[in-house]
Protein backbone atom coordinates (compact mmCIF):
# COMPACT_ATOMS: atom_id res chain seq x y z
CA UNK A 1 70.93 -68.36 -51.62
CA UNK A 2 72.56 -65.94 -49.05
CA UNK A 3 75.94 -66.26 -47.37
CA UNK A 4 73.93 -67.23 -43.68
CA UNK A 5 72.19 -70.01 -45.54
CA UNK A 6 75.49 -71.42 -47.27
CA UNK A 7 77.42 -71.40 -44.14
CA UNK A 8 74.54 -73.23 -42.02
CA UNK A 9 73.92 -75.85 -45.12
CA UNK A 10 69.98 -74.93 -44.44
CA UNK A 11 67.33 -73.16 -46.56
CA UNK A 12 68.03 -69.32 -47.54
CA UNK A 13 67.01 -67.04 -44.78
CA UNK A 14 63.95 -64.82 -45.50
CA UNK A 15 65.08 -61.19 -45.70
CA UNK A 16 62.67 -57.95 -45.56
CA UNK A 17 63.49 -54.68 -45.95
CA UNK A 18 63.64 -52.16 -43.22
CA UNK A 19 61.34 -49.23 -42.65
CA UNK A 20 63.44 -46.36 -42.43
CA UNK A 21 66.97 -47.20 -44.14
CA UNK A 22 68.06 -49.27 -47.04
CA UNK A 23 69.05 -52.59 -45.13
CA UNK A 24 67.53 -55.97 -45.14
CA UNK A 25 67.26 -58.28 -42.12
CA UNK A 26 65.84 -61.53 -41.39
CA UNK A 27 62.23 -61.49 -41.86
CA UNK A 28 61.58 -63.60 -38.19
CA UNK A 29 63.69 -61.25 -36.30
CA UNK A 30 62.73 -60.77 -32.62
CA UNK A 31 63.53 -57.17 -32.58
CA UNK A 32 65.09 -55.19 -35.24
CA UNK A 33 66.31 -51.32 -33.91
CA UNK A 34 67.13 -49.28 -37.07
CA UNK A 35 68.89 -45.85 -36.73
CA UNK A 36 72.10 -44.31 -37.81
CA UNK A 37 75.45 -44.05 -35.76
CA UNK A 38 76.88 -40.45 -35.64
CA UNK A 39 80.39 -39.89 -37.24
CA UNK A 40 80.42 -36.19 -36.15
CA UNK A 41 79.64 -36.77 -32.30
CA UNK A 42 80.79 -38.60 -29.29
CA UNK A 43 78.95 -38.86 -26.08
CA UNK A 44 80.35 -39.48 -22.50
CA UNK A 45 79.65 -42.89 -21.01
CA UNK A 46 79.93 -43.23 -17.40
CA UNK A 47 81.87 -45.66 -15.60
CA UNK A 48 80.23 -49.32 -15.52
CA UNK A 49 80.56 -51.89 -13.26
CA UNK A 50 81.94 -55.24 -14.87
CA UNK A 51 81.13 -58.82 -14.05
CA UNK A 52 84.75 -59.16 -13.04
CA UNK A 53 84.05 -56.80 -10.18
CA UNK A 54 86.28 -53.56 -11.54
CA UNK A 55 84.91 -50.66 -12.88
CA UNK A 56 85.55 -49.31 -16.16
CA UNK A 57 87.01 -45.78 -16.95
CA UNK A 58 84.36 -43.00 -18.00
CA UNK A 59 84.98 -42.67 -21.85
CA UNK A 60 83.71 -40.99 -25.08
CA UNK A 61 81.58 -43.31 -27.46
CA UNK A 62 79.94 -43.08 -30.72
CA UNK A 63 76.35 -41.80 -30.46
CA UNK A 64 73.43 -44.18 -31.88
CA UNK A 65 70.32 -42.45 -32.94
CA UNK A 66 67.10 -45.02 -33.26
CA UNK A 67 64.68 -44.20 -35.93
CA UNK A 68 62.47 -47.36 -35.75
CA UNK A 69 61.89 -50.38 -33.40
CA UNK A 70 59.99 -53.15 -34.81
CA UNK A 71 59.16 -56.59 -33.26
CA UNK A 72 57.23 -59.71 -33.39
CA UNK A 73 54.45 -60.12 -31.16
CA UNK A 74 55.81 -61.21 -27.60
CA UNK A 75 59.39 -61.06 -28.70
CA UNK A 76 62.26 -62.92 -26.80
CA UNK A 77 64.79 -60.07 -25.30
CA UNK A 78 67.39 -61.86 -23.33
CA UNK A 79 69.12 -59.01 -20.88
CA UNK A 80 70.89 -59.49 -17.65
């Protein structure tokens, strides 16, 4: 039994291995984005508008390099 099932009190979550990295994810996940976060480089992020009406300052952030994207047929992708 994995930790997610112990917390919820339900049956264990079925896990499968990712295609490009040594990590397991829920077998029935809508979308899985596999990749790496660089510890060597930072990328500039432009100012973004916040929901409160303010604009955040430009700053540097970690760089994520996507290696593989898998998804269910007609996945749910919630975005605003």
